[in-house]
Protein backbone atom coordinates (compact mmCIF):
# COMPACT_ATOMS: atom_id res chain seq x y z
CA UNK A 1 0.00 0.00 0.00
CA UNK A 2 2.91 2.37 0.61
CA UNK A 3 5.41 3.74 -1.85
CA UNK A 4 7.69 6.71 -2.33
CA UNK A 5 6.87 9.37 -4.92
CA UNK A 6 8.11 12.75 -6.02
CA UNK A 7 8.53 15.26 -8.80
CA UNK A 8 12.08 16.27 -7.86
CA UNK A 9 15.07 14.01 -8.31
CA UNK A 10 16.09 11.95 -5.28
CA UNK A 11 18.95 9.63 -4.30
CA UNK A 12 19.11 6.47 -2.25
CA UNK A 13 22.44 5.31 -0.91
CA UNK A 14 23.06 1.68 0.00
CA UNK A 15 26.28 0.74 1.81
CA UNK A 16 27.64 -2.44 0.18
CA UNK A 17 30.81 -4.48 0.00
CA UNK A 18 32.31 -4.68 -3.46
CA UNK A 19 30.66 -7.29 -5.65
CA UNK A 20 28.18 -8.09 -8.35
CA UNK A 21 24.48 -7.46 -7.65
CA UNK A 22 21.05 -7.37 -9.23
CA UNK A 23 18.41 -4.80 -8.34
CA UNK A 24 14.75 -5.57 -8.92
CA UNK A 25 12.88 -2.26 -9.06
CA UNK A 26 9.09 -1.95 -9.21
CA UNK A 27 7.29 1.32 -9.94
CA UNK A 28 3.74 2.46 -10.66
CA UNK A 29 0.52 3.50 -8.93
CA UNK A 30 -3.18 2.63 -8.90
CA UNK A 31 -4.27 6.28 -8.81
CA UNK A 32 -2.26 8.09 -11.53
CA UNK A 33 0.16 7.70 -14.44
CA UNK A 34 3.85 7.91 -13.58
CA UNK A 35 7.31 8.01 -15.13
CA UNK A 36 10.18 6.62 -13.06
CA UNK A 37 13.80 6.85 -14.23
CA UNK A 38 16.47 5.04 -12.22
CA UNK A 39 20.21 5.51 -12.72
CA UNK A 40 23.10 3.78 -10.97
CA UNK A 41 26.70 4.86 -10.39
CA UNK A 42 27.94 2.54 -13.13
CA UNK A 43 25.85 4.39 -15.74
CA UNK A 44 22.96 1.94 -16.03
CA UNK A 45 19.71 3.78 -16.76
CA UNK A 46 16.23 2.32 -16.92
CA UNK A 47 12.64 3.49 -17.08
CA UNK A 48 11.46 6.69 -18.69
CA UNK A 49 8.26 5.24 -20.15
CA UNK A 50 4.81 6.32 -19.02
CA UNK A 51 3.29 3.69 -16.77
CA UNK A 52 -0.49 3.99 -16.92
CA UNK A 53 -2.45 4.22 -13.68
CA UNK A 54 -3.26 0.77 -12.34
CA UNK A 55 -0.17 -0.70 -14.05
CA UNK A 56 3.31 -1.46 -12.75
CA UNK A 57 6.74 -1.83 -14.28
CA UNK A 58 9.46 -4.09 -12.90
CA UNK A 59 13.05 -3.82 -14.09
CA UNK A 60 16.02 -6.06 -13.32
CA UNK A 61 19.21 -3.99 -13.21
CA UNK A 62 22.72 -5.53 -13.14
CA UNK A 63 25.19 -3.67 -10.89
CA UNK A 64 28.95 -4.11 -10.69
CA UNK A 65 30.06 -2.40 -7.48
CA UNK A 66 33.88 -2.18 -7.75
CA UNK A 67 34.73 -1.14 -4.17
CA UNK A 68 33.30 -1.16 -0.66
CA UNK A 69 31.08 1.84 0.00
CA UNK A 70 27.88 3.51 -1.04
CA UNK A 71 25.97 2.54 -4.16
CA UNK A 72 24.01 5.61 -5.28
CA UNK A 73 20.65 5.16 -6.96
CA UNK A 74 19.29 8.30 -8.61
CA UNK A 75 15.53 8.51 -9.16
CA UNK A 76 13.90 11.13 -11.39
CA UNK A 77 10.98 11.75 -13.72
CA UNK A 78 9.95 13.97 -16.63
CA UNK A 79 8.24 17.37 -16.33
CA UNK A 80 4.57 17.11 -15.36
CA UNK A 81 4.81 13.57 -13.98
CA UNK A 82 5.79 11.96 -10.67
CA UNK A 83 8.15 9.09 -10.08
CA UNK A 84 6.65 6.23 -8.04
CA UNK A 85 8.88 3.70 -6.32
CA UNK A 86 7.17 0.65 -4.82
CA UNK A 87 10.20 -1.42 -3.87
CA UNK A 88 13.82 -2.26 -4.55
CA UNK A 89 15.11 -5.78 -3.94
CA UNK A 90 18.88 -6.20 -3.82
CA UNK A 91 20.35 -9.61 -4.61
CA UNK A 92 24.07 -10.37 -4.17
CA UNK A 93 25.34 -12.42 -7.10
CA UNK A 94 29.06 -12.61 -6.37
CA UNK A 95 31.36 -11.07 -3.77
CA UNK A 96 35.01 -10.26 -4.36
PDB file of N, CA and C in Angstrom:
ATOM      1  N   UNK A   1       0.807  -1.185   0.000  1.00  0.00           N
ATOM      2  CA  UNK A   1       0.000   0.000   0.000  1.00  0.00           C
ATOM      3  C   UNK A   1       0.854   1.255   0.000  1.00  0.00           C
ATOM      4  N   UNK A   2       2.061   1.192   0.515  1.00  0.00           N
ATOM      5  CA  UNK A   2       2.906   2.371   0.613  1.00  0.00           C
ATOM      6  C   UNK A   2       3.958   2.371  -0.480  1.00  0.00           C
ATOM      7  N   UNK A   3       4.339   3.574  -0.884  1.00  0.00           N
ATOM      8  CA  UNK A   3       5.408   3.737  -1.849  1.00  0.00           C
ATOM      9  C   UNK A   3       5.967   5.143  -1.693  1.00  0.00           C
ATOM     10  N   UNK A   4       7.093   5.378  -2.319  1.00  0.00           N
ATOM     11  CA  UNK A   4       7.687   6.711  -2.335  1.00  0.00           C
ATOM     12  C   UNK A   4       7.364   7.340  -3.684  1.00  0.00           C
ATOM     13  N   UNK A   5       7.144   8.665  -3.670  1.00  0.00           N
ATOM     14  CA  UNK A   5       6.868   9.372  -4.916  1.00  0.00           C
ATOM     15  C   UNK A   5       7.451  10.774  -4.849  1.00  0.00           C
ATOM     16  N   UNK A   6       7.624  11.381  -5.993  1.00  0.00           N
ATOM     17  CA  UNK A   6       8.105  12.750  -6.021  1.00  0.00           C
ATOM     18  C   UNK A   6       8.167  13.296  -7.429  1.00  0.00           C
ATOM     19  N   UNK A   7       8.321  14.606  -7.511  1.00  0.00           N
ATOM     20  CA  UNK A   7       8.531  15.261  -8.795  1.00  0.00           C
ATOM     21  C   UNK A   7       9.976  15.715  -8.950  1.00  0.00           C
ATOM     22  N   UNK A   8      10.663  15.896  -7.826  1.00  0.00           N
ATOM     23  CA  UNK A   8      12.076  16.267  -7.858  1.00  0.00           C
ATOM     24  C   UNK A   8      12.937  15.015  -7.803  1.00  0.00           C
ATOM     25  N   UNK A   9      14.130  15.134  -8.340  1.00  0.00           N
ATOM     26  CA  UNK A   9      15.066  14.012  -8.307  1.00  0.00           C
ATOM     27  C   UNK A   9      15.433  13.675  -6.860  1.00  0.00           C
ATOM     28  N   UNK A  10      15.710  12.415  -6.610  1.00  0.00           N
ATOM     29  CA  UNK A  10      16.091  11.953  -5.278  1.00  0.00           C
ATOM     30  C   UNK A  10      17.194  10.910  -5.423  1.00  0.00           C
ATOM     31  N   UNK A  11      17.904  10.662  -4.323  1.00  0.00           N
ATOM     32  CA  UNK A  11      18.945   9.634  -4.301  1.00  0.00           C
ATOM     33  C   UNK A  11      18.752   8.723  -3.105  1.00  0.00           C
ATOM     34  N   UNK A  12      19.017   7.449  -3.322  1.00  0.00           N
ATOM     35  CA  UNK A  12      19.106   6.472  -2.248  1.00  0.00           C
ATOM     36  C   UNK A  12      20.542   5.981  -2.231  1.00  0.00           C
ATOM     37  N   UNK A  13      21.095   5.847  -1.054  1.00  0.00           N
ATOM     38  CA  UNK A  13      22.439   5.310  -0.906  1.00  0.00           C
ATOM     39  C   UNK A  13      22.341   4.003  -0.143  1.00  0.00           C
ATOM     40  N   UNK A  14      23.032   2.987  -0.656  1.00  0.00           N
ATOM     41  CA  UNK A  14      23.064   1.676  -0.004  1.00  0.00           C
ATOM     42  C   UNK A  14      24.528   1.327   0.231  1.00  0.00           C
ATOM     43  N   UNK A  15      24.905   1.140   1.485  1.00  0.00           N
ATOM     44  CA  UNK A  15      26.280   0.736   1.806  1.00  0.00           C
ATOM     45  C   UNK A  15      26.448  -0.750   1.488  1.00  0.00           C
ATOM     46  N   UNK A  16      27.433  -1.063   0.634  1.00  0.00           N
ATOM     47  CA  UNK A  16      27.640  -2.439   0.182  1.00  0.00           C
ATOM     48  C   UNK A  16      29.119  -2.773   0.114  1.00  0.00           C
ATOM     49  N   UNK A  17      29.452  -4.042   0.338  1.00  0.00           N
ATOM     50  CA  UNK A  17      30.811  -4.477   0.002  1.00  0.00           C
ATOM     51  C   UNK A  17      30.910  -4.610  -1.517  1.00  0.00           C
ATOM     52  N   UNK A  18      32.140  -4.540  -2.013  1.00  0.00           N
ATOM     53  CA  UNK A  18      32.306  -4.678  -3.461  1.00  0.00           C
ATOM     54  C   UNK A  18      31.766  -6.020  -3.918  1.00  0.00           C
ATOM     55  N   UNK A  19      31.229  -6.057  -5.128  1.00  0.00           N
ATOM     56  CA  UNK A  19      30.665  -7.293  -5.645  1.00  0.00           C
ATOM     57  C   UNK A  19      29.751  -7.041  -6.829  1.00  0.00           C
ATOM     58  N   UNK A  20      29.115  -8.119  -7.227  1.00  0.00           N
ATOM     59  CA  UNK A  20      28.184  -8.088  -8.346  1.00  0.00           C
ATOM     60  C   UNK A  20      26.776  -8.297  -7.785  1.00  0.00           C
ATOM     61  N   UNK A  21      25.834  -7.451  -8.198  1.00  0.00           N
ATOM     62  CA  UNK A  21      24.480  -7.459  -7.650  1.00  0.00           C
ATOM     63  C   UNK A  21      23.440  -7.350  -8.760  1.00  0.00           C
ATOM     64  N   UNK A  22      22.209  -7.657  -8.400  1.00  0.00           N
ATOM     65  CA  UNK A  22      21.051  -7.372  -9.230  1.00  0.00           C
ATOM     66  C   UNK A  22      20.059  -6.581  -8.386  1.00  0.00           C
ATOM     67  N   UNK A  23      19.475  -5.561  -8.978  1.00  0.00           N
ATOM     68  CA  UNK A  23      18.412  -4.799  -8.339  1.00  0.00           C
ATOM     69  C   UNK A  23      17.117  -5.097  -9.078  1.00  0.00           C
ATOM     70  N   UNK A  24      16.080  -5.444  -8.342  1.00  0.00           N
ATOM     71  CA  UNK A  24      14.749  -5.569  -8.918  1.00  0.00           C
ATOM     72  C   UNK A  24      13.966  -4.358  -8.437  1.00  0.00           C
ATOM     73  N   UNK A  25      13.542  -3.521  -9.376  1.00  0.00           N
ATOM     74  CA  UNK A  25      12.876  -2.262  -9.058  1.00  0.00           C
ATOM     75  C   UNK A  25      11.464  -2.307  -9.624  1.00  0.00           C
ATOM     76  N   UNK A  26      10.476  -2.002  -8.777  1.00  0.00           N
ATOM     77  CA  UNK A  26       9.088  -1.954  -9.214  1.00  0.00           C
ATOM     78  C   UNK A  26       8.546  -0.552  -9.000  1.00  0.00           C
ATOM     79  N   UNK A  27       7.866  -0.015 -10.030  1.00  0.00           N
ATOM     80  CA  UNK A  27       7.292   1.323  -9.940  1.00  0.00           C
ATOM     81  C   UNK A  27       5.889   1.316 -10.539  1.00  0.00           C
ATOM     82  N   UNK A  28       5.102   2.316 -10.148  1.00  0.00           N
ATOM     83  CA  UNK A  28       3.744   2.455 -10.656  1.00  0.00           C
ATOM     84  C   UNK A  28       2.785   2.817  -9.532  1.00  0.00           C
ATOM     85  N   UNK A  29       1.516   3.038  -9.903  1.00  0.00           N
ATOM     86  CA  UNK A  29       0.525   3.497  -8.933  1.00  0.00           C
ATOM     87  C   UNK A  29      -0.871   3.162  -9.448  1.00  0.00           C
ATOM     88  N   UNK A  30      -1.782   2.864  -8.532  1.00  0.00           N
ATOM     89  CA  UNK A  30      -3.178   2.627  -8.901  1.00  0.00           C
ATOM     90  C   UNK A  30      -3.903   3.907  -9.277  1.00  0.00           C
ATOM     91  N   UNK A  31      -3.491   5.053  -8.706  1.00  0.00           N
ATOM     92  CA  UNK A  31      -4.268   6.283  -8.813  1.00  0.00           C
ATOM     93  C   UNK A  31      -3.911   7.182 -10.004  1.00  0.00           C
ATOM     94  N   UNK A  32      -2.634   7.177 -10.446  1.00  0.00           N
ATOM     95  CA  UNK A  32      -2.259   8.088 -11.533  1.00  0.00           C
ATOM     96  C   UNK A  32      -1.092   7.543 -12.339  1.00  0.00           C
ATOM     97  N   UNK A  33      -0.972   8.045 -13.572  1.00  0.00           N
ATOM     98  CA  UNK A  33       0.158   7.696 -14.435  1.00  0.00           C
ATOM     99  C   UNK A  33       1.457   8.155 -13.775  1.00  0.00           C
ATOM    100  N   UNK A  34       2.555   7.509 -14.128  1.00  0.00           N
ATOM    101  CA  UNK A  34       3.850   7.914 -13.584  1.00  0.00           C
ATOM    102  C   UNK A  34       4.958   7.618 -14.584  1.00  0.00           C
ATOM    103  N   UNK A  35       6.092   8.274 -14.360  1.00  0.00           N
ATOM    104  CA  UNK A  35       7.311   8.014 -15.127  1.00  0.00           C
ATOM    105  C   UNK A  35       8.447   7.953 -14.117  1.00  0.00           C
ATOM    106  N   UNK A  36       9.085   6.797 -14.014  1.00  0.00           N
ATOM    107  CA  UNK A  36      10.185   6.616 -13.064  1.00  0.00           C
ATOM    108  C   UNK A  36      11.451   6.277 -13.834  1.00  0.00           C
ATOM    109  N   UNK A  37      12.488   7.074 -13.614  1.00  0.00           N
ATOM    110  CA  UNK A  37      13.799   6.847 -14.231  1.00  0.00           C
ATOM    111  C   UNK A  37      14.778   6.539 -13.105  1.00  0.00           C
ATOM    112  N   UNK A  38      15.499   5.442 -13.232  1.00  0.00           N
ATOM    113  CA  UNK A  38      16.470   5.043 -12.218  1.00  0.00           C
ATOM    114  C   UNK A  38      17.838   4.936 -12.871  1.00  0.00           C
ATOM    115  N   UNK A  39      18.829   5.562 -12.228  1.00  0.00           N
ATOM    116  CA  UNK A  39      20.208   5.513 -12.720  1.00  0.00           C
ATOM    117  C   UNK A  39      21.114   5.033 -11.599  1.00  0.00           C
ATOM    118  N   UNK A  40      22.132   4.253 -11.948  1.00  0.00           N
ATOM    119  CA  UNK A  40      23.098   3.778 -10.967  1.00  0.00           C
ATOM    120  C   UNK A  40      24.448   4.450 -11.229  1.00  0.00           C
ATOM    121  N   UNK A  41      25.354   4.294 -10.264  1.00  0.00           N
ATOM    122  CA  UNK A  41      26.704   4.859 -10.385  1.00  0.00           C
ATOM    123  C   UNK A  41      27.442   4.362 -11.619  1.00  0.00           C
ATOM    124  N   UNK A  42      27.189   3.108 -12.000  1.00  0.00           N
ATOM    125  CA  UNK A  42      27.938   2.543 -13.126  1.00  0.00           C
ATOM    126  C   UNK A  42      27.333   2.919 -14.480  1.00  0.00           C
ATOM    127  N   UNK A  43      26.379   3.875 -14.485  1.00  0.00           N
ATOM    128  CA  UNK A  43      25.851   4.391 -15.738  1.00  0.00           C
ATOM    129  C   UNK A  43      24.629   3.672 -16.270  1.00  0.00           C
ATOM    130  N   UNK A  44      24.144   2.648 -15.573  1.00  0.00           N
ATOM    131  CA  UNK A  44      22.956   1.941 -16.032  1.00  0.00           C
ATOM    132  C   UNK A  44      21.741   2.830 -15.821  1.00  0.00           C
ATOM    133  N   UNK A  45      20.910   2.950 -16.839  1.00  0.00           N
ATOM    134  CA  UNK A  45      19.707   3.784 -16.755  1.00  0.00           C
ATOM    135  C   UNK A  45      18.526   2.969 -17.247  1.00  0.00           C
ATOM    136  N   UNK A  46      17.420   3.058 -16.536  1.00  0.00           N
ATOM    137  CA  UNK A  46      16.228   2.315 -16.921  1.00  0.00           C
ATOM    138  C   UNK A  46      14.988   3.154 -16.659  1.00  0.00           C
ATOM    139  N   UNK A  47      13.888   2.760 -17.249  1.00  0.00           N
ATOM    140  CA  UNK A  47      12.636   3.488 -17.081  1.00  0.00           C
ATOM    141  C   UNK A  47      12.509   4.583 -18.103  1.00  0.00           C
ATOM    142  N   UNK A  48      11.667   5.573 -17.787  1.00  0.00           N
ATOM    143  CA  UNK A  48      11.457   6.686 -18.687  1.00  0.00           C
ATOM    144  C   UNK A  48      10.188   6.581 -19.506  1.00  0.00           C
ATOM    145  N   UNK A  49       9.525   5.416 -19.428  1.00  0.00           N
ATOM    146  CA  UNK A  49       8.261   5.244 -20.153  1.00  0.00           C
ATOM    147  C   UNK A  49       7.101   5.598 -19.230  1.00  0.00           C
ATOM    148  N   UNK A  50       6.015   6.068 -19.812  1.00  0.00           N
ATOM    149  CA  UNK A  50       4.815   6.322 -19.019  1.00  0.00           C
ATOM    150  C   UNK A  50       4.212   4.989 -18.606  1.00  0.00           C
ATOM    151  N   UNK A  51       3.968   4.858 -17.300  1.00  0.00           N
ATOM    152  CA  UNK A  51       3.291   3.685 -16.768  1.00  0.00           C
ATOM    153  C   UNK A  51       1.874   4.137 -16.418  1.00  0.00           C
ATOM    154  N   UNK A  52       0.901   3.599 -17.123  1.00  0.00           N
ATOM    155  CA  UNK A  52      -0.494   3.995 -16.920  1.00  0.00           C
ATOM    156  C   UNK A  52      -0.956   3.677 -15.517  1.00  0.00           C
ATOM    157  N   UNK A  53      -1.908   4.481 -15.008  1.00  0.00           N
ATOM    158  CA  UNK A  53      -2.454   4.220 -13.676  1.00  0.00           C
ATOM    159  C   UNK A  53      -3.018   2.801 -13.641  1.00  0.00           C
ATOM    160  N   UNK A  54      -2.816   2.155 -12.498  1.00  0.00           N
ATOM    161  CA  UNK A  54      -3.257   0.773 -12.341  1.00  0.00           C
ATOM    162  C   UNK A  54      -2.296  -0.253 -12.905  1.00  0.00           C
ATOM    163  N   UNK A  55      -1.182   0.202 -13.475  1.00  0.00           N
ATOM    164  CA  UNK A  55      -0.169  -0.702 -14.050  1.00  0.00           C
ATOM    165  C   UNK A  55       1.142  -0.516 -13.294  1.00  0.00           C
ATOM    166  N   UNK A  56       2.026  -1.498 -13.433  1.00  0.00           N
ATOM    167  CA  UNK A  56       3.314  -1.458 -12.749  1.00  0.00           C
ATOM    168  C   UNK A  56       4.394  -1.915 -13.707  1.00  0.00           C
ATOM    169  N   UNK A  57       5.598  -1.415 -13.471  1.00  0.00           N
ATOM    170  CA  UNK A  57       6.744  -1.826 -14.283  1.00  0.00           C
ATOM    171  C   UNK A  57       7.808  -2.362 -13.344  1.00  0.00           C
ATOM    172  N   UNK A  58       8.360  -3.502 -13.678  1.00  0.00           N
ATOM    173  CA  UNK A  58       9.457  -4.090 -12.901  1.00  0.00           C
ATOM    174  C   UNK A  58      10.661  -4.220 -13.813  1.00  0.00           C
ATOM    175  N   UNK A  59      11.802  -3.792 -13.315  1.00  0.00           N
ATOM    176  CA  UNK A  59      13.046  -3.821 -14.086  1.00  0.00           C
ATOM    177  C   UNK A  59      14.116  -4.549 -13.271  1.00  0.00           C
ATOM    178  N   UNK A  60      14.887  -5.392 -13.931  1.00  0.00           N
ATOM    179  CA  UNK A  60      16.024  -6.062 -13.318  1.00  0.00           C
ATOM    180  C   UNK A  60      17.283  -5.362 -13.808  1.00  0.00           C
ATOM    181  N   UNK A  61      18.059  -4.812 -12.867  1.00  0.00           N
ATOM    182  CA  UNK A  61      19.215  -3.994 -13.209  1.00  0.00           C
ATOM    183  C   UNK A  61      20.495  -4.662 -12.698  1.00  0.00           C
ATOM    184  N   UNK A  62      21.438  -4.988 -13.583  1.00  0.00           N
ATOM    185  CA  UNK A  62      22.721  -5.526 -13.136  1.00  0.00           C
ATOM    186  C   UNK A  62      23.607  -4.405 -12.599  1.00  0.00           C
ATOM    187  N   UNK A  63      24.307  -4.678 -11.502  1.00  0.00           N
ATOM    188  CA  UNK A  63      25.186  -3.674 -10.888  1.00  0.00           C
ATOM    189  C   UNK A  63      26.527  -4.319 -10.568  1.00  0.00           C
ATOM    190  N   UNK A  64      27.598  -3.728 -11.077  1.00  0.00           N
ATOM    191  CA  UNK A  64      28.952  -4.113 -10.687  1.00  0.00           C
ATOM    192  C   UNK A  64      29.451  -3.014  -9.763  1.00  0.00           C
ATOM    193  N   UNK A  65      29.632  -3.365  -8.504  1.00  0.00           N
ATOM    194  CA  UNK A  65      30.055  -2.397  -7.478  1.00  0.00           C
ATOM    195  C   UNK A  65      31.532  -2.661  -7.194  1.00  0.00           C
ATOM    196  N   UNK A  66      32.456  -1.844  -7.745  1.00  0.00           N
ATOM    197  CA  UNK A  66      33.876  -2.178  -7.752  1.00  0.00           C
ATOM    198  C   UNK A  66      34.616  -2.030  -6.421  1.00  0.00           C
ATOM    199  N   UNK A  67      34.039  -1.292  -5.457  1.00  0.00           N
ATOM    200  CA  UNK A  67      34.730  -1.135  -4.174  1.00  0.00           C
ATOM    201  C   UNK A  67      33.720  -1.005  -3.041  1.00  0.00           C
ATOM    202  N   UNK A  68      34.167  -1.313  -1.831  1.00  0.00           N
ATOM    203  CA  UNK A  68      33.296  -1.158  -0.661  1.00  0.00           C
ATOM    204  C   UNK A  68      32.843   0.289  -0.542  1.00  0.00           C
ATOM    205  N   UNK A  69      31.585   0.484  -0.173  1.00  0.00           N
ATOM    206  CA  UNK A  69      31.085   1.844   0.004  1.00  0.00           C
ATOM    207  C   UNK A  69      29.660   1.982  -0.501  1.00  0.00           C
ATOM    208  N   UNK A  70      29.261   3.214  -0.681  1.00  0.00           N
ATOM    209  CA  UNK A  70      27.875   3.512  -1.043  1.00  0.00           C
ATOM    210  C   UNK A  70      27.620   3.299  -2.534  1.00  0.00           C
ATOM    211  N   UNK A  71      26.524   2.616  -2.820  1.00  0.00           N
ATOM    212  CA  UNK A  71      25.974   2.537  -4.161  1.00  0.00           C
ATOM    213  C   UNK A  71      24.886   3.608  -4.228  1.00  0.00           C
ATOM    214  N   UNK A  72      25.000   4.524  -5.163  1.00  0.00           N
ATOM    215  CA  UNK A  72      24.013   5.609  -5.279  1.00  0.00           C
ATOM    216  C   UNK A  72      23.003   5.270  -6.358  1.00  0.00           C
ATOM    217  N   UNK A  73      21.738   5.360  -6.010  1.00  0.00           N
ATOM    218  CA  UNK A  73      20.650   5.164  -6.960  1.00  0.00           C
ATOM    219  C   UNK A  73      19.929   6.501  -7.122  1.00  0.00           C
ATOM    220  N   UNK A  74      19.908   7.009  -8.327  1.00  0.00           N
ATOM    221  CA  UNK A  74      19.288   8.303  -8.608  1.00  0.00           C
ATOM    222  C   UNK A  74      17.917   8.063  -9.237  1.00  0.00           C
ATOM    223  N   UNK A  75      16.890   8.688  -8.673  1.00  0.00           N
ATOM    224  CA  UNK A  75      15.528   8.512  -9.160  1.00  0.00           C
ATOM    225  C   UNK A  75      15.013   9.869  -9.639  1.00  0.00           C
ATOM    226  N   UNK A  76      14.430   9.881 -10.837  1.00  0.00           N
ATOM    227  CA  UNK A  76      13.904  11.126 -11.386  1.00  0.00           C
ATOM    228  C   UNK A  76      12.696  10.829 -12.267  1.00  0.00           C
ATOM    229  N   UNK A  77      12.150  11.877 -12.847  1.00  0.00           N
ATOM    230  CA  UNK A  77      10.983  11.752 -13.718  1.00  0.00           C
ATOM    231  C   UNK A  77      11.086  12.788 -14.826  1.00  0.00           C
ATOM    232  N   UNK A  78      10.021  12.957 -15.571  1.00  0.00           N
ATOM    233  CA  UNK A  78       9.954  13.969 -16.627  1.00  0.00           C
ATOM    234  C   UNK A  78       9.012  15.083 -16.162  1.00  0.00           C
ATOM    235  N   UNK A  79       9.116  16.277 -16.751  1.00  0.00           N
ATOM    236  CA  UNK A  79       8.239  17.375 -16.334  1.00  0.00           C
ATOM    237  C   UNK A  79       6.755  17.001 -16.428  1.00  0.00           C
ATOM    238  N   UNK A  80       6.003  17.356 -15.381  1.00  0.00           N
ATOM    239  CA  UNK A  80       4.573  17.112 -15.360  1.00  0.00           C
ATOM    240  C   UNK A  80       4.152  15.753 -14.830  1.00  0.00           C
ATOM    241  N   UNK A  81       5.110  14.902 -14.514  1.00  0.00           N
ATOM    242  CA  UNK A  81       4.811  13.565 -13.977  1.00  0.00           C
ATOM    243  C   UNK A  81       5.512  13.384 -12.638  1.00  0.00           C
ATOM    244  N   UNK A  82       5.129  12.352 -11.916  1.00  0.00           N
ATOM    245  CA  UNK A  82       5.791  11.961 -10.674  1.00  0.00           C
ATOM    246  C   UNK A  82       6.482  10.620 -10.878  1.00  0.00           C
ATOM    247  N   UNK A  83       7.571  10.428 -10.156  1.00  0.00           N
ATOM    248  CA  UNK A  83       8.147   9.091 -10.083  1.00  0.00           C
ATOM    249  C   UNK A  83       7.460   8.377  -8.926  1.00  0.00           C
ATOM    250  N   UNK A  84       7.304   7.068  -9.060  1.00  0.00           N
ATOM    251  CA  UNK A  84       6.646   6.232  -8.042  1.00  0.00           C
ATOM    252  C   UNK A  84       7.526   5.011  -7.834  1.00  0.00           C
ATOM    253  N   UNK A  85       8.010   4.826  -6.622  1.00  0.00           N
ATOM    254  CA  UNK A  85       8.881   3.701  -6.316  1.00  0.00           C
ATOM    255  C   UNK A  85       8.200   2.809  -5.293  1.00  0.00           C
ATOM    256  N   UNK A  86       7.847   1.591  -5.708  1.00  0.00           N
ATOM    257  CA  UNK A  86       7.168   0.648  -4.825  1.00  0.00           C
ATOM    258  C   UNK A  86       8.156  -0.149  -3.985  1.00  0.00           C
ATOM    259  N   UNK A  87       9.183  -0.693  -4.627  1.00  0.00           N
ATOM    260  CA  UNK A  87      10.200  -1.417  -3.871  1.00  0.00           C
ATOM    261  C   UNK A  87      11.467  -1.605  -4.693  1.00  0.00           C
ATOM    262  N   UNK A  88      12.544  -1.863  -3.958  1.00  0.00           N
ATOM    263  CA  UNK A  88      13.820  -2.259  -4.550  1.00  0.00           C
ATOM    264  C   UNK A  88      14.292  -3.495  -3.802  1.00  0.00           C
ATOM    265  N   UNK A  89      14.505  -4.581  -4.514  1.00  0.00           N
ATOM    266  CA  UNK A  89      15.112  -5.776  -3.938  1.00  0.00           C
ATOM    267  C   UNK A  89      16.559  -5.835  -4.419  1.00  0.00           C
ATOM    268  N   UNK A  90      17.464  -6.097  -3.500  1.00  0.00           N
ATOM    269  CA  UNK A  90      18.885  -6.196  -3.822  1.00  0.00           C
ATOM    270  C   UNK A  90      19.326  -7.640  -3.623  1.00  0.00           C
ATOM    271  N   UNK A  91      19.897  -8.226  -4.658  1.00  0.00           N
ATOM    272  CA  UNK A  91      20.351  -9.607  -4.611  1.00  0.00           C
ATOM    273  C   UNK A  91      21.848  -9.650  -4.885  1.00  0.00           C
ATOM    274  N   UNK A  92      22.620 -10.205  -3.963  1.00  0.00           N
ATOM    275  CA  UNK A  92      24.067 -10.367  -4.169  1.00  0.00           C
ATOM    276  C   UNK A  92      24.296 -11.567  -5.071  1.00  0.00           C
ATOM    277  N   UNK A  93      25.034 -11.357  -6.154  1.00  0.00           N
ATOM    278  CA  UNK A  93      25.339 -12.421  -7.101  1.00  0.00           C
ATOM    279  C   UNK A  93      26.709 -13.028  -6.777  1.00  0.00           C
ATOM    280  N   UNK A  94      27.697 -12.135  -6.590  1.00  0.00           N
ATOM    281  CA  UNK A  94      29.062 -12.606  -6.371  1.00  0.00           C
ATOM    282  C   UNK A  94      29.834 -11.552  -5.594  1.00  0.00           C
ATOM    283  N   UNK A  95      30.471 -11.959  -4.508  1.00  0.00           N
ATOM    284  CA  UNK A  95      31.360 -11.071  -3.765  1.00  0.00           C
ATOM    285  C   UNK A  95      32.777 -11.201  -4.270  1.00  0.00           C
ATOM    286  N   UNK A  96      33.600 -10.220  -3.935  1.00  0.00           N
ATOM    287  CA  UNK A  96      35.010 -10.259  -4.365  1.00  0.00           C
ATOM    288  C   UNK A  96      35.921 -10.238  -3.157  1.00  0.00           C
TER     289      UNK A  96
END
